[in-house]
Structure formats: C-alpha cells, structure tokens
Amino acid sequence: MEVLAILIPVSLFLGLMGLAAFIWTLRKGMYDDPEGDSRRILDPQYDDKPKPLRDEDAR
C-alpha cells in the first residue's frame, strides 16, 4: 500500500504534463487546418521523389 503514495502523485503529475502539452499545442494552432494537410499530402508539389522531366516538358 505504500507504493500508492508514490504512484498516485506520479500519475497526477504525468496527467497534468499531458494536459499542459495539449493546451500548448492548441495555443500554437497546430489543429487549425486539418483539411489543408489532407489536401497537401496529395499535391505533387510536395512529393519527396518527383518524377523525372520528359524531353517535351523541358522545352
């Protein structure tokens, strides 16, 4: 039972740290544009491995 005297404050501390991190991300605006992220992922402009240009496109 003595272990509860350690586990309860530690769990409360970790929970408050998680809540603080969540509030920090809300204030930084990290959840403002989820629709835009889903559209940008399909945009070829942001492709990591772009396709090579064909000869007709280079002219």
PDB file of N, CA and C in Angstrom:
ATOM      1  N   MET A   1       0.803  -1.206   0.000  1.00  0.00           N
ATOM      2  CA  MET A   1       0.000   0.000   0.000  1.00  0.00           C
ATOM      3  C   MET A   1       0.845   1.270   0.000  1.00  0.00           C
ATOM      4  N   GLU A   2       2.085   1.166   0.458  1.00  0.00           N
ATOM      5  CA  GLU A   2       2.944   2.344   0.471  1.00  0.00           C
ATOM      6  C   GLU A   2       3.285   2.801  -0.942  1.00  0.00           C
ATOM      7  N   VAL A   3       3.237   1.860  -1.897  1.00  0.00           N
ATOM      8  CA  VAL A   3       3.566   2.209  -3.280  1.00  0.00           C
ATOM      9  C   VAL A   3       2.536   3.167  -3.867  1.00  0.00           C
ATOM     10  N   LEU A   4       1.311   3.144  -3.347  1.00  0.00           N
ATOM     11  CA  LEU A   4       0.283   4.074  -3.816  1.00  0.00           C
ATOM     12  C   LEU A   4       0.646   5.515  -3.475  1.00  0.00           C
ATOM     13  N   ALA A   5       1.372   5.724  -2.406  1.00  0.00           N
ATOM     14  CA  ALA A   5       1.791   7.074  -2.035  1.00  0.00           C
ATOM     15  C   ALA A   5       2.755   7.640  -3.073  1.00  0.00           C
ATOM     16  N   ILE A   6       3.412   6.780  -3.831  1.00  0.00           N
ATOM     17  CA  ILE A   6       4.318   7.226  -4.894  1.00  0.00           C
ATOM     18  C   ILE A   6       3.589   7.257  -6.234  1.00  0.00           C
ATOM     19  N   LEU A   7       2.815   6.232  -6.524  1.00  0.00           N
ATOM     20  CA  LEU A   7       2.177   6.101  -7.834  1.00  0.00           C
ATOM     21  C   LEU A   7       1.105   7.158  -8.092  1.00  0.00           C
ATOM     22  N   ILE A   8       0.337   7.511  -7.091  1.00  0.00           N
ATOM     23  CA  ILE A   8      -0.740   8.489  -7.302  1.00  0.00           C
ATOM     24  C   ILE A   8      -0.175   9.865  -7.650  1.00  0.00           C
ATOM     25  N   PRO A   9       0.783  10.413  -6.901  1.00  0.00           N
ATOM     26  CA  PRO A   9       1.336  11.717  -7.315  1.00  0.00           C
ATOM     27  C   PRO A   9       2.057  11.667  -8.661  1.00  0.00           C
ATOM     28  N   VAL A  10       2.737  10.576  -8.943  1.00  0.00           N
ATOM     29  CA  VAL A  10       3.430  10.456 -10.227  1.00  0.00           C
ATOM     30  C   VAL A  10       2.418  10.429 -11.364  1.00  0.00           C
ATOM     31  N   SER A  11       1.341   9.687 -11.210  1.00  0.00           N
ATOM     32  CA  SER A  11       0.333   9.626 -12.270  1.00  0.00           C
ATOM     33  C   SER A  11      -0.379  10.971 -12.434  1.00  0.00           C
ATOM     34  N   LEU A  12      -0.640  11.674 -11.353  1.00  0.00           N
ATOM     35  CA  LEU A  12      -1.240  13.002 -11.448  1.00  0.00           C
ATOM     36  C   LEU A  12      -0.299  13.973 -12.142  1.00  0.00           C
ATOM     37  N   PHE A  13       0.982  13.907 -11.836  1.00  0.00           N
ATOM     38  CA  PHE A  13       1.973  14.764 -12.472  1.00  0.00           C
ATOM     39  C   PHE A  13       2.045  14.495 -13.973  1.00  0.00           C
ATOM     40  N   LEU A  14       2.083  13.229 -14.370  1.00  0.00           N
ATOM     41  CA  LEU A  14       2.149  12.884 -15.789  1.00  0.00           C
ATOM     42  C   LEU A  14       0.880  13.302 -16.522  1.00  0.00           C
ATOM     43  N   GLY A  15      -0.264  13.150 -15.867  1.00  0.00           N
ATOM     44  CA  GLY A  15      -1.518  13.585 -16.470  1.00  0.00           C
ATOM     45  C   GLY A  15      -1.562  15.084 -16.677  1.00  0.00           C
ATOM     46  N   LEU A  16      -1.080  15.839 -15.698  1.00  0.00           N
ATOM     47  CA  LEU A  16      -1.041  17.293 -15.832  1.00  0.00           C
ATOM     48  C   LEU A  16      -0.038  17.725 -16.899  1.00  0.00           C
ATOM     49  N   MET A  17       1.054  17.008 -17.028  1.00  0.00           N
ATOM     50  CA  MET A  17       2.025  17.328 -18.080  1.00  0.00           C
ATOM     51  C   MET A  17       1.412  17.081 -19.464  1.00  0.00           C
ATOM     52  N   GLY A  18       0.667  16.001 -19.610  1.00  0.00           N
ATOM     53  CA  GLY A  18      -0.011  15.723 -20.873  1.00  0.00           C
ATOM     54  C   GLY A  18      -1.057  16.773 -21.196  1.00  0.00           C
ATOM     55  N   LEU A  19      -1.803  17.192 -20.197  1.00  0.00           N
ATOM     56  CA  LEU A  19      -2.804  18.243 -20.392  1.00  0.00           C
ATOM     57  C   LEU A  19      -2.142  19.562 -20.767  1.00  0.00           C
ATOM     58  N   ALA A  20      -1.043  19.886 -20.125  1.00  0.00           N
ATOM     59  CA  ALA A  20      -0.314  21.118 -20.447  1.00  0.00           C
ATOM     60  C   ALA A  20       0.223  21.070 -21.874  1.00  0.00           C
ATOM     61  N   ALA A  21       0.720  19.916 -22.301  1.00  0.00           N
ATOM     62  CA  ALA A  21       1.219  19.790 -23.673  1.00  0.00           C
ATOM     63  C   ALA A  21       0.082  19.942 -24.678  1.00  0.00           C
ATOM     64  N   PHE A  22      -1.077  19.386 -24.376  1.00  0.00           N
ATOM     65  CA  PHE A  22      -2.229  19.513 -25.261  1.00  0.00           C
ATOM     66  C   PHE A  22      -2.682  20.964 -25.364  1.00  0.00           C
ATOM     67  N   ILE A  23      -2.747  21.658 -24.250  1.00  0.00           N
ATOM     68  CA  ILE A  23      -3.150  23.070 -24.267  1.00  0.00           C
ATOM     69  C   ILE A  23      -2.125  23.899 -25.026  1.00  0.00           C
ATOM     70  N   TRP A  24      -0.850  23.584 -24.868  1.00  0.00           N
ATOM     71  CA  TRP A  24       0.205  24.301 -25.594  1.00  0.00           C
ATOM     72  C   TRP A  24       0.040  24.131 -27.102  1.00  0.00           C
ATOM     73  N   THR A  25      -0.265  22.904 -27.547  1.00  0.00           N
ATOM     74  CA  THR A  25      -0.464  22.690 -28.984  1.00  0.00           C
ATOM     75  C   THR A  25      -1.707  23.403 -29.486  1.00  0.00           C
ATOM     76  N   LEU A  26      -2.737  23.505 -28.668  1.00  0.00           N
ATOM     77  CA  LEU A  26      -3.930  24.265 -29.063  1.00  0.00           C
ATOM     78  C   LEU A  26      -3.594  25.738 -29.246  1.00  0.00           C
ATOM     79  N   ARG A  27      -2.830  26.291 -28.335  1.00  0.00           N
ATOM     80  CA  ARG A  27      -2.477  27.716 -28.421  1.00  0.00           C
ATOM     81  C   ARG A  27      -1.527  28.008 -29.567  1.00  0.00           C
ATOM     82  N   LYS A  28      -0.713  27.041 -29.955  1.00  0.00           N
ATOM     83  CA  LYS A  28       0.199  27.219 -31.080  1.00  0.00           C
ATOM     84  C   LYS A  28      -0.516  27.083 -32.417  1.00  0.00           C
ATOM     85  N   GLY A  29      -1.758  26.601 -32.403  1.00  0.00           N
ATOM     86  CA  GLY A  29      -2.544  26.493 -33.628  1.00  0.00           C
ATOM     87  C   GLY A  29      -2.231  25.261 -34.456  1.00  0.00           C
ATOM     88  N   MET A  30      -1.816  24.201 -33.817  1.00  0.00           N
ATOM     89  CA  MET A  30      -1.436  23.005 -34.563  1.00  0.00           C
ATOM     90  C   MET A  30      -2.628  22.210 -35.079  1.00  0.00           C
ATOM     91  N   TYR A  31      -3.827  22.541 -34.645  1.00  0.00           N
ATOM     92  CA  TYR A  31      -5.017  21.819 -35.089  1.00  0.00           C
ATOM     93  C   TYR A  31      -5.928  22.698 -35.930  1.00  0.00           C
ATOM     94  N   ASP A  32      -5.430  23.822 -36.432  1.00  0.00           N
ATOM     95  CA  ASP A  32      -6.276  24.791 -37.114  1.00  0.00           C
ATOM     96  C   ASP A  32      -6.688  24.372 -38.523  1.00  0.00           C
ATOM     97  N   ASP A  33      -5.840  23.656 -39.243  1.00  0.00           N
ATOM     98  CA  ASP A  33      -6.112  23.375 -40.649  1.00  0.00           C
ATOM     99  C   ASP A  33      -5.923  21.895 -40.993  1.00  0.00           C
ATOM    100  N   PRO A  34      -6.709  20.996 -40.425  1.00  0.00           N
ATOM    101  CA  PRO A  34      -6.528  19.576 -40.766  1.00  0.00           C
ATOM    102  C   PRO A  34      -6.961  19.264 -42.200  1.00  0.00           C
ATOM    103  N   GLU A  35      -7.910  20.010 -42.739  1.00  0.00           N
ATOM    104  CA  GLU A  35      -8.346  19.781 -44.115  1.00  0.00           C
ATOM    105  C   GLU A  35      -7.246  20.145 -45.102  1.00  0.00           C
ATOM    106  N   GLY A  36      -6.529  21.217 -44.831  1.00  0.00           N
ATOM    107  CA  GLY A  36      -5.441  21.628 -45.710  1.00  0.00           C
ATOM    108  C   GLY A  36      -4.312  20.606 -45.744  1.00  0.00           C
ATOM    109  N   ASP A  37      -4.014  20.001 -44.599  1.00  0.00           N
ATOM    110  CA  ASP A  37      -2.975  18.976 -44.558  1.00  0.00           C
ATOM    111  C   ASP A  37      -3.356  17.780 -45.423  1.00  0.00           C
ATOM    112  N   SER A  38      -4.604  17.395 -45.378  1.00  0.00           N
ATOM    113  CA  SER A  38      -5.023  16.235 -46.169  1.00  0.00           C
ATOM    114  C   SER A  38      -4.979  16.536 -47.665  1.00  0.00           C
ATOM    115  N   ARG A  39      -5.172  17.778 -48.035  1.00  0.00           N
ATOM    116  CA  ARG A  39      -5.082  18.135 -49.460  1.00  0.00           C
ATOM    117  C   ARG A  39      -3.630  18.280 -49.906  1.00  0.00           C
ATOM    118  N   ARG A  40      -2.776  18.816 -49.043  1.00  0.00           N
ATOM    119  CA  ARG A  40      -1.365  18.981 -49.394  1.00  0.00           C
ATOM    120  C   ARG A  40      -0.657  17.649 -49.568  1.00  0.00           C
ATOM    121  N   ILE A  41      -1.107  16.622 -48.878  1.00  0.00           N
ATOM    122  CA  ILE A  41      -0.444  15.322 -48.966  1.00  0.00           C
ATOM    123  C   ILE A  41      -0.617  14.723 -50.367  1.00  0.00           C
ATOM    124  N   LEU A  42      -1.655  15.127 -51.084  1.00  0.00           N
ATOM    125  CA  LEU A  42      -1.903  14.622 -52.435  1.00  0.00           C
ATOM    126  C   LEU A  42      -1.318  15.520 -53.515  1.00  0.00           C
ATOM    127  N   ASP A  43      -0.797  16.678 -53.147  1.00  0.00           N
ATOM    128  CA  ASP A  43      -0.261  17.630 -54.110  1.00  0.00           C
ATOM    129  C   ASP A  43       1.123  17.179 -54.582  1.00  0.00           C
ATOM    130  N   PRO A  44       1.345  17.060 -55.882  1.00  0.00           N
ATOM    131  CA  PRO A  44       2.656  16.601 -56.361  1.00  0.00           C
ATOM    132  C   PRO A  44       3.778  17.596 -56.108  1.00  0.00           C
ATOM    133  N   GLN A  45       3.451  18.828 -55.761  1.00  0.00           N
ATOM    134  CA  GLN A  45       4.479  19.823 -55.468  1.00  0.00           C
ATOM    135  C   GLN A  45       5.315  19.406 -54.260  1.00  0.00           C
ATOM    136  N   TYR A  46       4.732  18.694 -53.316  1.00  0.00           N
ATOM    137  CA  TYR A  46       5.416  18.301 -52.094  1.00  0.00           C
ATOM    138  C   TYR A  46       5.909  16.858 -52.151  1.00  0.00           C
ATOM    139  N   ASP A  47       6.038  16.301 -53.327  1.00  0.00           N
ATOM    140  CA  ASP A  47       6.466  14.919 -53.478  1.00  0.00           C
ATOM    141  C   ASP A  47       7.949  14.790 -53.150  1.00  0.00           C
ATOM    142  N   ASP A  48       8.312  13.793 -52.342  1.00  0.00           N
ATOM    143  CA  ASP A  48       9.715  13.587 -51.974  1.00  0.00           C
ATOM    144  C   ASP A  48      10.547  13.058 -53.135  1.00  0.00           C
ATOM    145  N   LYS A  49       9.924  12.264 -53.976  1.00  0.00           N
ATOM    146  CA  LYS A  49      10.625  11.688 -55.121  1.00  0.00           C
ATOM    147  C   LYS A  49       9.895  12.097 -56.392  1.00  0.00           C
ATOM    148  N   PRO A  50      10.154  13.294 -56.892  1.00  0.00           N
ATOM    149  CA  PRO A  50       9.428  13.735 -58.088  1.00  0.00           C
ATOM    150  C   PRO A  50       9.836  12.925 -59.312  1.00  0.00           C
ATOM    151  N   LYS A  51       8.903  12.791 -60.214  1.00  0.00           N
ATOM    152  CA  LYS A  51       9.174  12.060 -61.445  1.00  0.00           C
ATOM    153  C   LYS A  51      10.110  12.888 -62.324  1.00  0.00           C
ATOM    154  N   PRO A  52      11.008  12.233 -63.052  1.00  0.00           N
ATOM    155  CA  PRO A  52      11.916  12.998 -63.919  1.00  0.00           C
ATOM    156  C   PRO A  52      11.144  13.657 -65.060  1.00  0.00           C
ATOM    157  N   LEU A  53      11.649  14.801 -65.496  1.00  0.00           N
ATOM    158  CA  LEU A  53      11.016  15.522 -66.588  1.00  0.00           C
ATOM    159  C   LEU A  53      11.234  14.782 -67.916  1.00  0.00           C
ATOM    160  N   ARG A  54      10.209  14.796 -68.727  1.00  0.00           N
ATOM    161  CA  ARG A  54      10.357  14.245 -70.078  1.00  0.00           C
ATOM    162  C   ARG A  54      10.986  15.304 -70.969  1.00  0.00           C
ATOM    163  N   ASP A  55      11.479  14.894 -72.123  1.00  0.00           N
ATOM    164  CA  ASP A  55      12.132  15.836 -73.033  1.00  0.00           C
ATOM    165  C   ASP A  55      11.179  16.912 -73.511  1.00  0.00           C
ATOM    166  N   GLU A  56       9.895  16.557 -73.709  1.00  0.00           N
ATOM    167  CA  GLU A  56       8.922  17.538 -74.180  1.00  0.00           C
ATOM    168  C   GLU A  56       8.644  18.597 -73.106  1.00  0.00           C
ATOM    169  N   ASP A  57       8.690  18.186 -71.836  1.00  0.00           N
ATOM    170  CA  ASP A  57       8.401  19.123 -70.753  1.00  0.00           C
ATOM    171  C   ASP A  57       9.551  20.096 -70.511  1.00  0.00           C
ATOM    172  N   ALA A  58      10.766  19.683 -70.821  1.00  0.00           N
ATOM    173  CA  ALA A  58      11.938  20.515 -70.558  1.00  0.00           C
ATOM    174  C   ALA A  58      12.039  21.672 -71.535  1.00  0.00           C
ATOM    175  N   ARG A  59      11.386  21.593 -72.673  1.00  0.00           N
ATOM    176  CA  ARG A  59      11.488  22.654 -73.684  1.00  0.00           C
ATOM    177  C   ARG A  59      10.554  23.775 -73.454  1.00  0.00           C
TER     178      ARG A  59
END
